[in-house]
Each structure stands twice: as structure tokens, then as C-alpha cells.
Amino acid sequence: MNQIEISQLLLALLPALIVGALAYYFFKSFIKSEEGRRRFLLVKDNQKTALPLRLQAYERMTLFLERISPGKILFRVKPHSDDPVLYEQLLVKTIEQEFEHNLAQQIYLSGDCWDYIKTAKNATIGLIRKANSLEEVTTADGLRETILKNMIDKPAPTDAALAFIKKEVRSFI
């Protein structure tokens, strides 16, 4: 084979190589877009089932925060005796039970949201304990009054967590 035959062979193969390269490129991009489409449909289907569960978790945690809000828990949980220590224990026990009842909801919430909720719960318990440690609190009703007076001056610890939940729910609806 001489050089002329080799060059003619290469010229004859050149269109086939170009067509082969173009076919490879188009098939590769088609497969990539199909994979993206399948992934999108899978995420969309998962979102159809996950979104209601997430919204339900946010609703339950909103209810939890409303129920442990100092102003509301004091009216909902009445003291059994006049002892402020027993009433403090009853309030803390009620908050802890509410929290444990909703513990599984954390899998549907973001880490930041769950941290806000835990902080609100702990701050509410701290507020109750701090109010009971004051010397002027001698009765359960006195504890209730002290907590309510403290709430007049500043917002409830649960307000920040509720605002965060509302903001987060708005971001994915």
C-alpha cells in the first residue's frame, strides 16, 4: 500500500469517524438528560408523600410550642396543692411529656428548627424554675402570678421558635 491508498482510505473513513463521534456525543447527552428526568420524577414522587408528613410535623411542633407557652400552660395545668415546688414539678413534667410525645417529629424537621424547639422548651422550663426560686413565691398561685408578670416584660421563649417554624414552612411551600 502506498501513501495515496492510505490517504484515500483515511478520507473514506473520516466521515464515518465524524458520524460515530457525533452519535456518541448525542447518545451520551440523551442518556444524561434521561437520567436527570428520572431523578426529577423520583424526587417529585417522593415530595408528594414527604411534604404532607413534613407539614404535619411542623403543625404538631407548632401545637407543642403553643401548649408549653407559659401563658397557656399556666391556665391549662392547674395546681393540685398550694405548694409551689409541687406545681413547678407538675409544669416541668407536663412540658417534658409533651416533648417526649412529639420527639419523633424531629426526623421531618431541619436541624436548626429542632434546635429552636429544644431551646424554647428548655428556656420555658428555666423560666418556671427561675420564678419559683424567688423568695416572694410562697404559693402555687404566687408562682403563676410571678411567671405571668415576667411574661408581660418580655416575649415568651416559644415565640422565636414559632417564628422560625413559620419562616421555614414558607420556604418550601
C-alpha atoms as a PDB file:
ATOM      1  CA  MET A   1       0.000   0.000   0.000  1.00  0.00           C
ATOM      2  CA  ASN A   2       1.351   3.310  -0.927  1.00  0.00           C
ATOM      3  CA  GLN A   3       0.682   6.699   0.541  1.00  0.00           C
ATOM      4  CA  ILE A   4      -2.068   7.562  -1.908  1.00  0.00           C
ATOM      5  CA  GLU A   5      -4.070   4.481  -0.999  1.00  0.00           C
ATOM      6  CA  ILE A   6      -3.614   5.154   2.719  1.00  0.00           C
ATOM      7  CA  SER A   7      -4.764   8.773   2.314  1.00  0.00           C
ATOM      8  CA  GLN A   8      -7.788   7.650   0.259  1.00  0.00           C
ATOM      9  CA  LEU A   9      -8.635   5.113   2.971  1.00  0.00           C
ATOM     10  CA  LEU A  10      -8.371   7.782   5.657  1.00  0.00           C
ATOM     11  CA  LEU A  11     -10.531  10.163   3.597  1.00  0.00           C
ATOM     12  CA  ALA A  12     -13.129   7.415   3.227  1.00  0.00           C
ATOM     13  CA  LEU A  13     -13.058   6.657   6.980  1.00  0.00           C
ATOM     14  CA  LEU A  14     -13.159  10.318   8.057  1.00  0.00           C
ATOM     15  CA  PRO A  15     -16.949  10.803   7.521  1.00  0.00           C
ATOM     16  CA  ALA A  16     -17.641   7.534   9.355  1.00  0.00           C
ATOM     17  CA  LEU A  17     -15.466   8.678  12.305  1.00  0.00           C
ATOM     18  CA  ILE A  18     -17.221  12.062  12.404  1.00  0.00           C
ATOM     19  CA  VAL A  19     -20.662  10.417  12.311  1.00  0.00           C
ATOM     20  CA  GLY A  20     -19.563   7.954  15.013  1.00  0.00           C
ATOM     21  CA  ALA A  21     -18.267  10.765  17.258  1.00  0.00           C
ATOM     22  CA  LEU A  22     -21.461  12.790  16.779  1.00  0.00           C
ATOM     23  CA  ALA A  23     -23.614   9.737  17.520  1.00  0.00           C
ATOM     24  CA  TYR A  24     -21.593   9.053  20.695  1.00  0.00           C
ATOM     25  CA  TYR A  25     -21.988  12.688  21.820  1.00  0.00           C
ATOM     26  CA  PHE A  26     -25.736  12.751  21.190  1.00  0.00           C
ATOM     27  CA  PHE A  27     -26.366   9.397  22.849  1.00  0.00           C
ATOM     28  CA  LYS A  28     -24.300  10.449  25.858  1.00  0.00           C
ATOM     29  CA  SER A  29     -26.222  13.724  26.250  1.00  0.00           C
ATOM     30  CA  PHE A  30     -29.544  11.904  25.718  1.00  0.00           C
ATOM     31  CA  ILE A  31     -28.732   9.369  28.417  1.00  0.00           C
ATOM     32  CA  LYS A  32     -27.647  12.157  30.763  1.00  0.00           C
ATOM     33  CA  SER A  33     -30.877  14.111  30.234  1.00  0.00           C
ATOM     34  CA  GLU A  34     -32.970  10.942  30.661  1.00  0.00           C
ATOM     35  CA  GLU A  35     -31.189  10.222  33.925  1.00  0.00           C
ATOM     36  CA  GLY A  36     -31.891  13.783  35.074  1.00  0.00           C
ATOM     37  CA  ARG A  37     -35.546  13.450  34.098  1.00  0.00           C
ATOM     38  CA  ARG A  38     -35.872  10.169  36.005  1.00  0.00           C
ATOM     39  CA  ARG A  39     -34.202  11.698  39.048  1.00  0.00           C
ATOM     40  CA  PHE A  40     -36.574  14.692  38.853  1.00  0.00           C
ATOM     41  CA  LEU A  41     -39.629  12.418  38.641  1.00  0.00           C
ATOM     42  CA  LEU A  42     -38.379  10.368  41.580  1.00  0.00           C
ATOM     43  CA  VAL A  43     -37.854  13.496  43.702  1.00  0.00           C
ATOM     44  CA  LYS A  44     -41.272  14.777  42.645  1.00  0.00           C
ATOM     45  CA  ASP A  45     -42.942  11.499  43.668  1.00  0.00           C
ATOM     46  CA  ASN A  46     -41.068  11.472  46.976  1.00  0.00           C
ATOM     47  CA  GLN A  47     -42.100  15.048  47.608  1.00  0.00           C
ATOM     48  CA  LYS A  48     -45.765  14.155  47.099  1.00  0.00           C
ATOM     49  CA  THR A  49     -45.570  11.773  50.050  1.00  0.00           C
ATOM     50  CA  ALA A  50     -42.966  13.584  52.142  1.00  0.00           C
ATOM     51  CA  LEU A  51     -44.438  17.101  52.002  1.00  0.00           C
ATOM     52  CA  PRO A  52     -47.660  16.218  53.853  1.00  0.00           C
ATOM     53  CA  LEU A  53     -45.634  14.394  56.509  1.00  0.00           C
ATOM     54  CA  ARG A  54     -43.300  17.356  56.918  1.00  0.00           C
ATOM     55  CA  LEU A  55     -46.204  19.783  57.156  1.00  0.00           C
ATOM     56  CA  GLN A  56     -47.864  17.572  59.736  1.00  0.00           C
ATOM     57  CA  ALA A  57     -44.643  17.544  61.776  1.00  0.00           C
ATOM     58  CA  TYR A  58     -44.436  21.336  61.647  1.00  0.00           C
ATOM     59  CA  GLU A  59     -48.091  21.541  62.693  1.00  0.00           C
ATOM     60  CA  ARG A  60     -47.522  19.225  65.635  1.00  0.00           C
ATOM     61  CA  MET A  61     -44.470  21.151  66.774  1.00  0.00           C
ATOM     62  CA  THR A  62     -46.406  24.417  66.472  1.00  0.00           C
ATOM     63  CA  LEU A  63     -49.100  22.921  68.660  1.00  0.00           C
ATOM     64  CA  PHE A  64     -46.432  21.726  71.106  1.00  0.00           C
ATOM     65  CA  LEU A  65     -44.936  25.215  71.342  1.00  0.00           C
ATOM     66  CA  GLU A  66     -48.360  26.754  71.824  1.00  0.00           C
ATOM     67  CA  ARG A  67     -49.202  24.257  74.549  1.00  0.00           C
ATOM     68  CA  ILE A  68     -45.979  24.891  76.505  1.00  0.00           C
ATOM     69  CA  SER A  69     -46.115  28.657  76.125  1.00  0.00           C
ATOM     70  CA  PRO A  70     -46.017  29.952  79.718  1.00  0.00           C
ATOM     71  CA  GLY A  71     -49.230  31.934  79.412  1.00  0.00           C
ATOM     72  CA  LYS A  72     -51.169  28.950  78.073  1.00  0.00           C
ATOM     73  CA  ILE A  73     -49.717  26.158  80.180  1.00  0.00           C
ATOM     74  CA  LEU A  74     -50.480  28.050  83.390  1.00  0.00           C
ATOM     75  CA  PHE A  75     -54.170  28.227  82.505  1.00  0.00           C
ATOM     76  CA  ARG A  76     -54.320  24.672  81.226  1.00  0.00           C
ATOM     77  CA  VAL A  77     -52.427  22.991  84.097  1.00  0.00           C
ATOM     78  CA  LYS A  78     -53.948  23.890  87.445  1.00  0.00           C
ATOM     79  CA  PRO A  79     -52.064  23.331  90.711  1.00  0.00           C
ATOM     80  CA  HIS A  80     -53.152  20.333  92.802  1.00  0.00           C
ATOM     81  CA  SER A  81     -51.954  21.905  96.041  1.00  0.00           C
ATOM     82  CA  ASP A  82     -50.674  25.219  97.328  1.00  0.00           C
ATOM     83  CA  ASP A  83     -47.026  24.082  97.276  1.00  0.00           C
ATOM     84  CA  PRO A  84     -45.069  25.995  94.581  1.00  0.00           C
ATOM     85  CA  VAL A  85     -42.420  23.262  94.331  1.00  0.00           C
ATOM     86  CA  LEU A  86     -45.049  20.632  93.504  1.00  0.00           C
ATOM     87  CA  TYR A  87     -46.620  22.977  90.957  1.00  0.00           C
ATOM     88  CA  GLU A  88     -43.223  23.639  89.368  1.00  0.00           C
ATOM     89  CA  GLN A  89     -42.630  19.893  89.122  1.00  0.00           C
ATOM     90  CA  LEU A  90     -46.074  19.408  87.585  1.00  0.00           C
ATOM     91  CA  LEU A  91     -45.437  22.094  84.955  1.00  0.00           C
ATOM     92  CA  VAL A  92     -41.988  20.718  84.090  1.00  0.00           C
ATOM     93  CA  LYS A  93     -43.361  17.162  83.938  1.00  0.00           C
ATOM     94  CA  THR A  94     -46.165  18.306  81.621  1.00  0.00           C
ATOM     95  CA  ILE A  95     -43.681  20.063  79.311  1.00  0.00           C
ATOM     96  CA  GLU A  96     -41.379  17.028  79.249  1.00  0.00           C
ATOM     97  CA  GLN A  97     -44.285  14.680  78.490  1.00  0.00           C
ATOM     98  CA  GLU A  98     -45.460  16.919  75.638  1.00  0.00           C
ATOM     99  CA  PHE A  99     -41.916  16.988  74.274  1.00  0.00           C
ATOM    100  CA  GLU A 100     -41.451  13.217  74.508  1.00  0.00           C
ATOM    101  CA  HIS A 101     -44.798  12.715  72.786  1.00  0.00           C
ATOM    102  CA  ASN A 102     -43.536  14.725  69.795  1.00  0.00           C
ATOM    103  CA  LEU A 103     -39.937  13.501  69.796  1.00  0.00           C
ATOM    104  CA  ALA A 104     -40.278  11.510  66.567  1.00  0.00           C
ATOM    105  CA  GLN A 105     -41.212  14.658  64.633  1.00  0.00           C
ATOM    106  CA  GLN A 106     -37.564  15.704  64.543  1.00  0.00           C
ATOM    107  CA  ILE A 107     -36.895  13.415  61.574  1.00  0.00           C
ATOM    108  CA  TYR A 108     -39.109  15.633  59.402  1.00  0.00           C
ATOM    109  CA  LEU A 109     -37.694  18.964  60.644  1.00  0.00           C
ATOM    110  CA  SER A 110     -34.443  20.672  59.838  1.00  0.00           C
ATOM    111  CA  GLY A 111     -31.683  20.559  62.437  1.00  0.00           C
ATOM    112  CA  ASP A 112     -31.945  24.300  63.040  1.00  0.00           C
ATOM    113  CA  CYS A 113     -35.691  24.096  63.592  1.00  0.00           C
ATOM    114  CA  TRP A 114     -35.301  21.227  66.051  1.00  0.00           C
ATOM    115  CA  ASP A 115     -32.637  23.219  67.930  1.00  0.00           C
ATOM    116  CA  TYR A 116     -35.004  26.204  68.182  1.00  0.00           C
ATOM    117  CA  ILE A 117     -37.726  23.952  69.581  1.00  0.00           C
ATOM    118  CA  LYS A 118     -35.420  22.350  72.169  1.00  0.00           C
ATOM    119  CA  THR A 119     -34.126  25.773  73.181  1.00  0.00           C
ATOM    120  CA  ALA A 120     -37.680  27.078  73.593  1.00  0.00           C
ATOM    121  CA  LYS A 121     -38.601  24.080  75.742  1.00  0.00           C
ATOM    122  CA  ASN A 122     -35.519  24.450  77.940  1.00  0.00           C
ATOM    123  CA  ALA A 123     -35.973  28.219  78.236  1.00  0.00           C
ATOM    124  CA  THR A 124     -39.596  27.741  79.305  1.00  0.00           C
ATOM    125  CA  ILE A 125     -38.551  25.236  81.963  1.00  0.00           C
ATOM    126  CA  GLY A 126     -35.790  27.626  83.059  1.00  0.00           C
ATOM    127  CA  LEU A 127     -38.293  30.481  83.298  1.00  0.00           C
ATOM    128  CA  ILE A 128     -40.552  28.396  85.547  1.00  0.00           C
ATOM    129  CA  ARG A 129     -37.671  27.290  87.774  1.00  0.00           C
ATOM    130  CA  LYS A 130     -36.256  30.808  87.996  1.00  0.00           C
ATOM    131  CA  ALA A 131     -39.645  32.203  89.010  1.00  0.00           C
ATOM    132  CA  ASN A 132     -40.012  29.536  91.707  1.00  0.00           C
ATOM    133  CA  SER A 133     -36.576  30.333  93.133  1.00  0.00           C
ATOM    134  CA  LEU A 134     -37.645  33.870  94.032  1.00  0.00           C
ATOM    135  CA  GLU A 135     -38.227  34.461  97.740  1.00  0.00           C
ATOM    136  CA  GLU A 136     -41.595  36.170  97.295  1.00  0.00           C
ATOM    137  CA  VAL A 137     -43.066  33.000  95.749  1.00  0.00           C
ATOM    138  CA  THR A 138     -44.667  31.069  98.604  1.00  0.00           C
ATOM    139  CA  THR A 139     -47.726  29.515  96.962  1.00  0.00           C
ATOM    140  CA  ALA A 140     -48.597  27.873  93.675  1.00  0.00           C
ATOM    141  CA  ASP A 141     -50.808  30.818  92.780  1.00  0.00           C
ATOM    142  CA  GLY A 142     -47.923  33.137  93.623  1.00  0.00           C
ATOM    143  CA  LEU A 143     -45.749  31.176  91.197  1.00  0.00           C
ATOM    144  CA  ARG A 144     -48.380  31.552  88.487  1.00  0.00           C
ATOM    145  CA  GLU A 145     -48.594  35.306  89.081  1.00  0.00           C
ATOM    146  CA  THR A 146     -44.811  35.709  89.035  1.00  0.00           C
ATOM    147  CA  ILE A 147     -44.480  33.829  85.758  1.00  0.00           C
ATOM    148  CA  LEU A 148     -47.266  35.865  84.164  1.00  0.00           C
ATOM    149  CA  LYS A 149     -45.714  39.133  85.386  1.00  0.00           C
ATOM    150  CA  ASN A 150     -42.382  38.095  83.855  1.00  0.00           C
ATOM    151  CA  MET A 151     -44.163  37.408  80.565  1.00  0.00           C
ATOM    152  CA  ILE A 152     -45.513  40.957  80.422  1.00  0.00           C
ATOM    153  CA  ASP A 153     -41.991  42.386  80.229  1.00  0.00           C
ATOM    154  CA  LYS A 154     -40.613  40.073  77.553  1.00  0.00           C
ATOM    155  CA  PRO A 155     -41.840  37.681  74.859  1.00  0.00           C
ATOM    156  CA  ALA A 156     -42.372  34.009  75.593  1.00  0.00           C
ATOM    157  CA  PRO A 157     -39.410  31.723  74.855  1.00  0.00           C
ATOM    158  CA  THR A 158     -41.600  29.844  72.408  1.00  0.00           C
ATOM    159  CA  ASP A 159     -42.201  32.912  70.202  1.00  0.00           C
ATOM    160  CA  ALA A 160     -38.799  32.717  68.484  1.00  0.00           C
ATOM    161  CA  ALA A 161     -39.263  29.025  67.686  1.00  0.00           C
ATOM    162  CA  LEU A 162     -42.757  29.665  66.312  1.00  0.00           C
ATOM    163  CA  ALA A 163     -41.416  32.452  64.092  1.00  0.00           C
ATOM    164  CA  PHE A 164     -38.668  30.128  62.826  1.00  0.00           C
ATOM    165  CA  ILE A 165     -41.202  27.382  62.021  1.00  0.00           C
ATOM    166  CA  LYS A 166     -43.371  29.826  60.076  1.00  0.00           C
ATOM    167  CA  LYS A 167     -40.358  31.068  58.112  1.00  0.00           C
ATOM    168  CA  GLU A 168     -39.174  27.557  57.325  1.00  0.00           C
ATOM    169  CA  VAL A 169     -42.600  26.338  56.208  1.00  0.00           C
ATOM    170  CA  ARG A 170     -42.956  29.356  53.905  1.00  0.00           C
ATOM    171  CA  SER A 171     -39.630  28.470  52.293  1.00  0.00           C
ATOM    172  CA  PHE A 172     -40.761  25.082  50.931  1.00  0.00           C
ATOM    173  CA  ILE A 173     -44.422  25.712  50.154  1.00  0.00           C
END
